[in-house]
């Protein structure tokens, strides 16, 4: 999995995805989600590293089966919040 942390003031935005998704364009109706290197391609990480980052995140954008399973295992996302775009599972996390 790739994980990249983006900071905006005191907020931490975590972007994580399965490695094979980098460079892909996922389409759903008129919406296109580009899995860009600039947003998603950070370090190659373990499940524990993803879970640790999610624990610190103010928000997160997650794509891919392995990444979503990792977030589910640590209880960071609700299974009902997962959607599928072009067959790829996706979830977002927001901490208020």
PDB file of N, CA and C in Angstrom:
ATOM      1  N   UNK A   1       0.839  -1.170   0.000  1.00  0.00           N
ATOM      2  CA  UNK A   1       0.000   0.000   0.000  1.00  0.00           C
ATOM      3  C   UNK A   1       0.887   1.236   0.000  1.00  0.00           C
ATOM      4  N   UNK A   2       0.382   2.276  -0.639  1.00  0.00           N
ATOM      5  CA  UNK A   2       1.034   3.581  -0.572  1.00  0.00           C
ATOM      6  C   UNK A   2       0.313   4.435   0.457  1.00  0.00           C
ATOM      7  N   UNK A   3       1.080   5.247   1.169  1.00  0.00           N
ATOM      8  CA  UNK A   3       0.512   6.173   2.137  1.00  0.00           C
ATOM      9  C   UNK A   3       1.240   7.500   2.018  1.00  0.00           C
ATOM     10  N   UNK A   4       0.457   8.563   1.929  1.00  0.00           N
ATOM     11  CA  UNK A   4       1.039   9.898   1.883  1.00  0.00           C
ATOM     12  C   UNK A   4       0.264  10.783   2.845  1.00  0.00           C
ATOM     13  N   UNK A   5       1.005  11.542   3.638  1.00  0.00           N
ATOM     14  CA  UNK A   5       0.391  12.453   4.597  1.00  0.00           C
ATOM     15  C   UNK A   5       0.487  13.874   4.068  1.00  0.00           C
ATOM     16  N   UNK A   6      -0.633  14.582   4.131  1.00  0.00           N
ATOM     17  CA  UNK A   6      -0.705  15.977   3.708  1.00  0.00           C
ATOM     18  C   UNK A   6      -1.101  16.796   4.930  1.00  0.00           C
ATOM     19  N   UNK A   7      -0.364  17.859   5.188  1.00  0.00           N
ATOM     20  CA  UNK A   7      -0.677  18.720   6.337  1.00  0.00           C
ATOM     21  C   UNK A   7      -1.260  20.039   5.846  1.00  0.00           C
ATOM     22  N   UNK A   8      -2.293  20.490   6.565  1.00  0.00           N
ATOM     23  CA  UNK A   8      -2.922  21.783   6.297  1.00  0.00           C
ATOM     24  C   UNK A   8      -3.181  22.420   7.652  1.00  0.00           C
ATOM     25  N   UNK A   9      -2.268  23.258   8.082  1.00  0.00           N
ATOM     26  CA  UNK A   9      -2.374  23.828   9.425  1.00  0.00           C
ATOM     27  C   UNK A   9      -2.230  22.726  10.453  1.00  0.00           C
ATOM     28  N   UNK A  10      -3.214  22.611  11.333  1.00  0.00           N
ATOM     29  CA  UNK A  10      -3.166  21.558  12.358  1.00  0.00           C
ATOM     30  C   UNK A  10      -3.886  20.290  11.921  1.00  0.00           C
ATOM     31  N   UNK A  11      -4.322  20.244  10.671  1.00  0.00           N
ATOM     32  CA  UNK A  11      -5.028  19.067  10.155  1.00  0.00           C
ATOM     33  C   UNK A  11      -4.074  18.124   9.418  1.00  0.00           C
ATOM     34  N   UNK A  12      -4.349  16.827   9.550  1.00  0.00           N
ATOM     35  CA  UNK A  12      -3.572  15.805   8.853  1.00  0.00           C
ATOM     36  C   UNK A  12      -4.509  15.032   7.938  1.00  0.00           C
ATOM     37  N   UNK A  13      -4.247  15.112   6.641  1.00  0.00           N
ATOM     38  CA  UNK A  13      -5.026  14.386   5.646  1.00  0.00           C
ATOM     39  C   UNK A  13      -4.183  13.200   5.200  1.00  0.00           C
ATOM     40  N   UNK A  14      -4.727  12.000   5.356  1.00  0.00           N
ATOM     41  CA  UNK A  14      -4.025  10.781   4.966  1.00  0.00           C
ATOM     42  C   UNK A  14      -4.622  10.270   3.659  1.00  0.00           C
ATOM     43  N   UNK A  15      -3.766  10.015   2.691  1.00  0.00           N
ATOM     44  CA  UNK A  15      -4.165   9.406   1.428  1.00  0.00           C
ATOM     45  C   UNK A  15      -3.491   8.041   1.365  1.00  0.00           C
ATOM     46  N   UNK A  16      -4.284   6.994   1.191  1.00  0.00           N
ATOM     47  CA  UNK A  16      -3.722   5.641   1.132  1.00  0.00           C
ATOM     48  C   UNK A  16      -4.445   4.841   0.058  1.00  0.00           C
ATOM     49  N   UNK A  17      -3.675   4.026  -0.651  1.00  0.00           N
ATOM     50  CA  UNK A  17      -4.279   3.190  -1.687  1.00  0.00           C
ATOM     51  C   UNK A  17      -3.415   1.963  -1.945  1.00  0.00           C
ATOM     52  N   UNK A  18      -4.032   0.981  -2.574  1.00  0.00           N
ATOM     53  CA  UNK A  18      -3.300  -0.205  -3.006  1.00  0.00           C
ATOM     54  C   UNK A  18      -2.322   0.212  -4.112  1.00  0.00           C
ATOM     55  N   UNK A  19      -1.160  -0.396  -4.128  1.00  0.00           N
ATOM     56  CA  UNK A  19      -0.095  -0.002  -5.051  1.00  0.00           C
ATOM     57  C   UNK A  19      -0.503  -0.032  -6.516  1.00  0.00           C
ATOM     58  N   UNK A  20      -1.268  -1.023  -6.910  1.00  0.00           N
ATOM     59  CA  UNK A  20      -1.595  -1.181  -8.329  1.00  0.00           C
ATOM     60  C   UNK A  20      -2.551  -0.110  -8.853  1.00  0.00           C
ATOM     61  N   UNK A  21      -3.108   0.707  -7.967  1.00  0.00           N
ATOM     62  CA  UNK A  21      -4.067   1.725  -8.397  1.00  0.00           C
ATOM     63  C   UNK A  21      -3.419   3.024  -8.873  1.00  0.00           C
ATOM     64  N   UNK A  22      -2.155   3.243  -8.540  1.00  0.00           N
ATOM     65  CA  UNK A  22      -1.483   4.489  -8.931  1.00  0.00           C
ATOM     66  C   UNK A  22      -1.533   4.650 -10.452  1.00  0.00           C
ATOM     67  N   UNK A  23      -1.964   5.840 -10.876  1.00  0.00           N
ATOM     68  CA  UNK A  23      -2.038   6.140 -12.305  1.00  0.00           C
ATOM     69  C   UNK A  23      -3.365   5.804 -12.950  1.00  0.00           C
ATOM     70  N   UNK A  24      -4.233   5.105 -12.256  1.00  0.00           N
ATOM     71  CA  UNK A  24      -5.524   4.731 -12.828  1.00  0.00           C
ATOM     72  C   UNK A  24      -6.534   5.867 -12.719  1.00  0.00           C
ATOM     73  N   UNK A  25      -7.507   5.846 -13.627  1.00  0.00           N
ATOM     74  CA  UNK A  25      -8.649   6.754 -13.570  1.00  0.00           C
ATOM     75  C   UNK A  25      -9.881   5.894 -13.330  1.00  0.00           C
ATOM     76  N   UNK A  26     -10.562   6.161 -12.233  1.00  0.00           N
ATOM     77  CA  UNK A  26     -11.761   5.411 -11.878  1.00  0.00           C
ATOM     78  C   UNK A  26     -12.971   6.263 -12.222  1.00  0.00           C
ATOM     79  N   UNK A  27     -13.924   5.690 -12.951  1.00  0.00           N
ATOM     80  CA  UNK A  27     -15.082   6.455 -13.411  1.00  0.00           C
ATOM     81  C   UNK A  27     -16.363   5.928 -12.784  1.00  0.00           C
ATOM     82  N   UNK A  28     -17.213   6.876 -12.405  1.00  0.00           N
ATOM     83  CA  UNK A  28     -18.539   6.554 -11.869  1.00  0.00           C
ATOM     84  C   UNK A  28     -19.488   7.636 -12.374  1.00  0.00           C
ATOM     85  N   UNK A  29     -20.249   7.300 -13.411  1.00  0.00           N
ATOM     86  CA  UNK A  29     -21.112   8.309 -14.024  1.00  0.00           C
ATOM     87  C   UNK A  29     -20.258   9.411 -14.623  1.00  0.00           C
ATOM     88  N   UNK A  30     -20.553  10.653 -14.260  1.00  0.00           N
ATOM     89  CA  UNK A  30     -19.785  11.796 -14.759  1.00  0.00           C
ATOM     90  C   UNK A  30     -18.558  12.104 -13.909  1.00  0.00           C
ATOM     91  N   UNK A  31     -18.367  11.357 -12.842  1.00  0.00           N
ATOM     92  CA  UNK A  31     -17.265  11.614 -11.917  1.00  0.00           C
ATOM     93  C   UNK A  31     -16.059  10.744 -12.287  1.00  0.00           C
ATOM     94  N   UNK A  32     -14.882  11.370 -12.341  1.00  0.00           N
ATOM     95  CA  UNK A  32     -13.636  10.650 -12.596  1.00  0.00           C
ATOM     96  C   UNK A  32     -12.690  10.923 -11.430  1.00  0.00           C
ATOM     97  N   UNK A  33     -12.196   9.856 -10.822  1.00  0.00           N
ATOM     98  CA  UNK A  33     -11.223   9.979  -9.739  1.00  0.00           C
ATOM     99  C   UNK A  33      -9.880   9.508 -10.280  1.00  0.00           C
ATOM    100  N   UNK A  34      -8.903  10.402 -10.261  1.00  0.00           N
ATOM    101  CA  UNK A  34      -7.568  10.051 -10.737  1.00  0.00           C
ATOM    102  C   UNK A  34      -6.688   9.688  -9.551  1.00  0.00           C
ATOM    103  N   UNK A  35      -6.083   8.536  -9.617  1.00  0.00           N
ATOM    104  CA  UNK A  35      -5.192   8.064  -8.557  1.00  0.00           C
ATOM    105  C   UNK A  35      -3.790   8.594  -8.855  1.00  0.00           C
ATOM    106  N   UNK A  36      -3.601   9.872  -8.576  1.00  0.00           N
ATOM    107  CA  UNK A  36      -2.363  10.553  -8.950  1.00  0.00           C
ATOM    108  C   UNK A  36      -1.215  10.259  -7.988  1.00  0.00           C
ATOM    109  N   UNK A  37      -0.019  10.256  -8.556  1.00  0.00           N
ATOM    110  CA  UNK A  37       1.177  10.077  -7.733  1.00  0.00           C
ATOM    111  C   UNK A  37       1.324  11.224  -6.746  1.00  0.00           C
ATOM    112  N   UNK A  38       0.975  12.433  -7.173  1.00  0.00           N
ATOM    113  CA  UNK A  38       1.175  13.599  -6.311  1.00  0.00           C
ATOM    114  C   UNK A  38       0.326  13.543  -5.040  1.00  0.00           C
ATOM    115  N   UNK A  39      -0.831  12.892  -5.099  1.00  0.00           N
ATOM    116  CA  UNK A  39      -1.684  12.826  -3.912  1.00  0.00           C
ATOM    117  C   UNK A  39      -1.524  11.514  -3.142  1.00  0.00           C
ATOM    118  N   UNK A  40      -1.399  10.394  -3.842  1.00  0.00           N
ATOM    119  CA  UNK A  40      -1.417   9.082  -3.185  1.00  0.00           C
ATOM    120  C   UNK A  40      -0.059   8.416  -3.017  1.00  0.00           C
ATOM    121  N   UNK A  41       0.887   8.678  -3.911  1.00  0.00           N
ATOM    122  CA  UNK A  41       2.126   7.898  -3.896  1.00  0.00           C
ATOM    123  C   UNK A  41       3.142   8.495  -2.933  1.00  0.00           C
ATOM    124  N   UNK A  42       3.096   7.999  -1.719  1.00  0.00           N
ATOM    125  CA  UNK A  42       4.083   8.366  -0.716  1.00  0.00           C
ATOM    126  C   UNK A  42       4.981   7.169  -0.499  1.00  0.00           C
ATOM    127  N   UNK A  43       5.044   6.727   0.732  1.00  0.00           N
ATOM    128  CA  UNK A  43       5.859   5.567   1.081  1.00  0.00           C
ATOM    129  C   UNK A  43       5.065   4.278   0.929  1.00  0.00           C
ATOM    130  N   UNK A  44       5.764   3.198   0.604  1.00  0.00           N
ATOM    131  CA  UNK A  44       5.162   1.868   0.660  1.00  0.00           C
ATOM    132  C   UNK A  44       5.176   1.476   2.132  1.00  0.00           C
ATOM    133  N   UNK A  45       4.006   1.119   2.657  1.00  0.00           N
ATOM    134  CA  UNK A  45       3.874   0.918   4.100  1.00  0.00           C
ATOM    135  C   UNK A  45       3.207  -0.413   4.442  1.00  0.00           C
ATOM    136  N   UNK A  46       3.326  -0.769   5.720  1.00  0.00           N
ATOM    137  CA  UNK A  46       2.683  -1.966   6.254  1.00  0.00           C
ATOM    138  C   UNK A  46       1.285  -1.612   6.757  1.00  0.00           C
ATOM    139  N   UNK A  47       0.525  -2.640   7.089  1.00  0.00           N
ATOM    140  CA  UNK A  47      -0.803  -2.422   7.662  1.00  0.00           C
ATOM    141  C   UNK A  47      -0.708  -1.620   8.952  1.00  0.00           C
ATOM    142  N   UNK A  48       0.266  -1.938   9.792  1.00  0.00           N
ATOM    143  CA  UNK A  48       0.416  -1.217  11.065  1.00  0.00           C
ATOM    144  C   UNK A  48       0.686   0.263  10.835  1.00  0.00           C
ATOM    145  N   UNK A  49       1.464   0.582   9.831  1.00  0.00           N
ATOM    146  CA  UNK A  49       1.754   1.986   9.538  1.00  0.00           C
ATOM    147  C   UNK A  49       0.509   2.722   9.041  1.00  0.00           C
ATOM    148  N   UNK A  50      -0.287   2.054   8.222  1.00  0.00           N
ATOM    149  CA  UNK A  50      -1.549   2.659   7.769  1.00  0.00           C
ATOM    150  C   UNK A  50      -2.456   2.894   8.964  1.00  0.00           C
ATOM    151  N   UNK A  51      -2.591   1.893   9.812  1.00  0.00           N
ATOM    152  CA  UNK A  51      -3.465   2.013  10.977  1.00  0.00           C
ATOM    153  C   UNK A  51      -2.998   3.114  11.917  1.00  0.00           C
ATOM    154  N   UNK A  52      -1.706   3.257  12.103  1.00  0.00           N
ATOM    155  CA  UNK A  52      -1.160   4.319  12.944  1.00  0.00           C
ATOM    156  C   UNK A  52      -1.479   5.695  12.355  1.00  0.00           C
ATOM    157  N   UNK A  53      -1.288   5.845  11.057  1.00  0.00           N
ATOM    158  CA  UNK A  53      -1.583   7.123  10.395  1.00  0.00           C
ATOM    159  C   UNK A  53      -3.066   7.451  10.487  1.00  0.00           C
ATOM    160  N   UNK A  54      -3.921   6.451  10.320  1.00  0.00           N
ATOM    161  CA  UNK A  54      -5.362   6.691  10.418  1.00  0.00           C
ATOM    162  C   UNK A  54      -5.750   7.128  11.823  1.00  0.00           C
ATOM    163  N   UNK A  55      -5.046   6.622  12.820  1.00  0.00           N
ATOM    164  CA  UNK A  55      -5.310   7.013  14.201  1.00  0.00           C
ATOM    165  C   UNK A  55      -4.983   8.471  14.473  1.00  0.00           C
ATOM    166  N   UNK A  56      -4.066   9.045  13.695  1.00  0.00           N
ATOM    167  CA  UNK A  56      -3.673  10.451  13.852  1.00  0.00           C
ATOM    168  C   UNK A  56      -4.417  11.383  12.905  1.00  0.00           C
ATOM    169  N   UNK A  57      -5.044  10.828  11.886  1.00  0.00           N
ATOM    170  CA  UNK A  57      -5.622  11.628  10.802  1.00  0.00           C
ATOM    171  C   UNK A  57      -6.848  12.429  11.227  1.00  0.00           C
ATOM    172  N   UNK A  58      -6.951  13.617  10.657  1.00  0.00           N
ATOM    173  CA  UNK A  58      -8.163  14.414  10.779  1.00  0.00           C
ATOM    174  C   UNK A  58      -9.150  13.955   9.711  1.00  0.00           C
ATOM    175  N   UNK A  59      -8.602  13.582   8.544  1.00  0.00           N
ATOM    176  CA  UNK A  59      -9.409  13.007   7.475  1.00  0.00           C
ATOM    177  C   UNK A  59      -8.530  12.063   6.663  1.00  0.00           C
ATOM    178  N   UNK A  60      -9.190  11.160   5.951  1.00  0.00           N
ATOM    179  CA  UNK A  60      -8.448  10.201   5.135  1.00  0.00           C
ATOM    180  C   UNK A  60      -9.244   9.855   3.892  1.00  0.00           C
ATOM    181  N   UNK A  61      -8.527   9.575   2.825  1.00  0.00           N
ATOM    182  CA  UNK A  61      -9.100   9.180   1.556  1.00  0.00           C
ATOM    183  C   UNK A  61      -8.466   7.839   1.205  1.00  0.00           C
ATOM    184  N   UNK A  62      -9.274   6.783   1.155  1.00  0.00           N
ATOM    185  CA  UNK A  62      -8.768   5.414   1.046  1.00  0.00           C
ATOM    186  C   UNK A  62      -9.333   4.708  -0.180  1.00  0.00           C
ATOM    187  N   UNK A  63      -8.460   4.038  -0.937  1.00  0.00           N
ATOM    188  CA  UNK A  63      -8.880   3.285  -2.114  1.00  0.00           C
ATOM    189  C   UNK A  63      -8.184   1.934  -2.151  1.00  0.00           C
ATOM    190  N   UNK A  64      -8.935   0.910  -2.538  1.00  0.00           N
ATOM    191  CA  UNK A  64      -8.367  -0.411  -2.773  1.00  0.00           C
ATOM    192  C   UNK A  64      -8.766  -1.431  -1.731  1.00  0.00           C
ATOM    193  N   UNK A  65      -8.839  -2.677  -2.162  1.00  0.00           N
ATOM    194  CA  UNK A  65      -9.291  -3.763  -1.291  1.00  0.00           C
ATOM    195  C   UNK A  65      -8.411  -3.912  -0.052  1.00  0.00           C
ATOM    196  N   UNK A  66      -7.106  -3.966  -0.238  1.00  0.00           N
ATOM    197  CA  UNK A  66      -6.195  -4.174   0.892  1.00  0.00           C
ATOM    198  C   UNK A  66      -6.246  -2.989   1.862  1.00  0.00           C
ATOM    199  N   UNK A  67      -6.261  -1.782   1.321  1.00  0.00           N
ATOM    200  CA  UNK A  67      -6.300  -0.577   2.151  1.00  0.00           C
ATOM    201  C   UNK A  67      -7.595  -0.506   2.951  1.00  0.00           C
ATOM    202  N   UNK A  68      -8.703  -0.792   2.309  1.00  0.00           N
ATOM    203  CA  UNK A  68     -10.003  -0.754   2.990  1.00  0.00           C
ATOM    204  C   UNK A  68     -10.072  -1.839   4.065  1.00  0.00           C
ATOM    205  N   UNK A  69      -9.593  -3.043   3.758  1.00  0.00           N
ATOM    206  CA  UNK A  69      -9.588  -4.121   4.755  1.00  0.00           C
ATOM    207  C   UNK A  69      -8.754  -3.730   5.971  1.00  0.00           C
ATOM    208  N   UNK A  70      -7.648  -3.065   5.739  1.00  0.00           N
ATOM    209  CA  UNK A  70      -6.777  -2.607   6.819  1.00  0.00           C
ATOM    210  C   UNK A  70      -7.518  -1.612   7.721  1.00  0.00           C
ATOM    211  N   UNK A  71      -8.220  -0.667   7.125  1.00  0.00           N
ATOM    212  CA  UNK A  71      -8.977   0.330   7.896  1.00  0.00           C
ATOM    213  C   UNK A  71     -10.141  -0.312   8.643  1.00  0.00           C
ATOM    214  N   UNK A  72     -10.753  -1.320   8.047  1.00  0.00           N
ATOM    215  CA  UNK A  72     -11.846  -2.037   8.719  1.00  0.00           C
ATOM    216  C   UNK A  72     -11.329  -2.805   9.932  1.00  0.00           C
ATOM    217  N   UNK A  73     -10.184  -3.471   9.771  1.00  0.00           N
ATOM    218  CA  UNK A  73      -9.615  -4.288  10.849  1.00  0.00           C
ATOM    219  C   UNK A  73      -9.334  -3.484  12.107  1.00  0.00           C
ATOM    220  N   UNK A  74      -8.942  -2.229  11.944  1.00  0.00           N
ATOM    221  CA  UNK A  74      -8.639  -1.413  13.121  1.00  0.00           C
ATOM    222  C   UNK A  74      -9.828  -0.560  13.557  1.00  0.00           C
ATOM    223  N   UNK A  75     -10.968  -0.745  12.906  1.00  0.00           N
ATOM    224  CA  UNK A  75     -12.183  -0.051  13.323  1.00  0.00           C
ATOM    225  C   UNK A  75     -12.234   1.420  12.960  1.00  0.00           C
ATOM    226  N   UNK A  76     -11.425   1.849  11.999  1.00  0.00           N
ATOM    227  CA  UNK A  76     -11.396   3.266  11.637  1.00  0.00           C
ATOM    228  C   UNK A  76     -12.508   3.675  10.677  1.00  0.00           C
ATOM    229  N   UNK A  77     -13.076   2.710   9.959  1.00  0.00           N
ATOM    230  CA  UNK A  77     -14.202   3.020   9.076  1.00  0.00           C
ATOM    231  C   UNK A  77     -15.323   2.029   9.322  1.00  0.00           C
ATOM    232  N   UNK A  78     -16.525   2.459   9.035  1.00  0.00           N
ATOM    233  CA  UNK A  78     -17.716   1.629   9.155  1.00  0.00           C
ATOM    234  C   UNK A  78     -17.924   0.911   7.823  1.00  0.00           C
ATOM    235  N   UNK A  79     -18.217  -0.384   7.847  1.00  0.00           N
ATOM    236  CA  UNK A  79     -18.434  -1.112   6.591  1.00  0.00           C
ATOM    237  C   UNK A  79     -19.511  -0.475   5.711  1.00  0.00           C
ATOM    238  N   UNK A  80     -20.486   0.177   6.332  1.00  0.00           N
ATOM    239  CA  UNK A  80     -21.572   0.796   5.562  1.00  0.00           C
ATOM    240  C   UNK A  80     -21.126   2.069   4.844  1.00  0.00           C
ATOM    241  N   UNK A  81     -19.950   2.577   5.180  1.00  0.00           N
ATOM    242  CA  UNK A  81     -19.467   3.809   4.538  1.00  0.00           C
ATOM    243  C   UNK A  81     -18.665   3.525   3.269  1.00  0.00           C
ATOM    244  N   UNK A  82     -18.466   2.258   2.946  1.00  0.00           N
ATOM    245  CA  UNK A  82     -17.657   1.881   1.783  1.00  0.00           C
ATOM    246  C   UNK A  82     -18.515   1.930   0.521  1.00  0.00           C
ATOM    247  N   UNK A  83     -18.002   2.608  -0.491  1.00  0.00           N
ATOM    248  CA  UNK A  83     -18.648   2.591  -1.799  1.00  0.00           C
ATOM    249  C   UNK A  83     -17.679   1.943  -2.788  1.00  0.00           C
ATOM    250  N   UNK A  84     -18.182   1.620  -3.962  1.00  0.00           N
ATOM    251  CA  UNK A  84     -17.339   1.022  -4.994  1.00  0.00           C
ATOM    252  C   UNK A  84     -17.355   1.917  -6.226  1.00  0.00           C
ATOM    253  N   UNK A  85     -16.179   2.250  -6.710  1.00  0.00           N
ATOM    254  CA  UNK A  85     -16.037   3.055  -7.915  1.00  0.00           C
ATOM    255  C   UNK A  85     -15.243   2.228  -8.915  1.00  0.00           C
ATOM    256  N   UNK A  86     -15.891   1.885 -10.027  1.00  0.00           N
ATOM    257  CA  UNK A  86     -15.244   1.050 -11.049  1.00  0.00           C
ATOM    258  C   UNK A  86     -14.728  -0.265 -10.468  1.00  0.00           C
ATOM    259  N   UNK A  87     -15.451  -0.814  -9.508  1.00  0.00           N
ATOM    260  CA  UNK A  87     -15.058  -2.075  -8.897  1.00  0.00           C
ATOM    261  C   UNK A  87     -14.021  -1.947  -7.796  1.00  0.00           C
ATOM    262  N   UNK A  88     -13.610  -0.723  -7.475  1.00  0.00           N
ATOM    263  CA  UNK A  88     -12.585  -0.489  -6.454  1.00  0.00           C
ATOM    264  C   UNK A  88     -13.246   0.070  -5.199  1.00  0.00           C
ATOM    265  N   UNK A  89     -13.063  -0.585  -4.041  1.00  0.00           N
ATOM    266  CA  UNK A  89     -13.650  -0.062  -2.805  1.00  0.00           C
ATOM    267  C   UNK A  89     -12.999   1.264  -2.388  1.00  0.00           C
ATOM    268  N   UNK A  90     -13.847   2.145  -1.851  1.00  0.00           N
ATOM    269  CA  UNK A  90     -13.399   3.484  -1.453  1.00  0.00           C
ATOM    270  C   UNK A  90     -14.123   3.896  -0.181  1.00  0.00           C
ATOM    271  N   UNK A  91     -13.393   4.567   0.697  1.00  0.00           N
ATOM    272  CA  UNK A  91     -14.005   5.126   1.910  1.00  0.00           C
ATOM    273  C   UNK A  91     -13.253   6.388   2.295  1.00  0.00           C
ATOM    274  N   UNK A  92     -13.963   7.231   3.012  1.00  0.00           N
ATOM    275  CA  UNK A  92     -13.355   8.441   3.555  1.00  0.00           C
ATOM    276  C   UNK A  92     -13.585   8.458   5.050  1.00  0.00           C
ATOM    277  N   UNK A  93     -12.665   9.078   5.747  1.00  0.00           N
ATOM    278  CA  UNK A  93     -12.749   9.194   7.200  1.00  0.00           C
ATOM    279  C   UNK A  93     -12.665  10.675   7.543  1.00  0.00           C
ATOM    280  N   UNK A  94     -13.540  11.111   8.445  1.00  0.00           N
ATOM    281  CA  UNK A  94     -13.511  12.494   8.925  1.00  0.00           C
ATOM    282  C   UNK A  94     -13.629  12.489  10.427  1.00  0.00           C
ATOM    283  N   UNK A  95     -12.762  13.225  11.075  1.00  0.00           N
ATOM    284  CA  UNK A  95     -12.813  13.383  12.520  1.00  0.00           C
ATOM    285  C   UNK A  95     -13.166  14.829  12.807  1.00  0.00           C
ATOM    286  N   UNK A  96     -14.253  15.031  13.547  1.00  0.00           N
ATOM    287  CA  UNK A  96     -14.688  16.404  13.849  1.00  0.00           C
ATOM    288  C   UNK A  96     -14.276  16.815  15.233  1.00  0.00           C
TER     289      UNK A  96
END
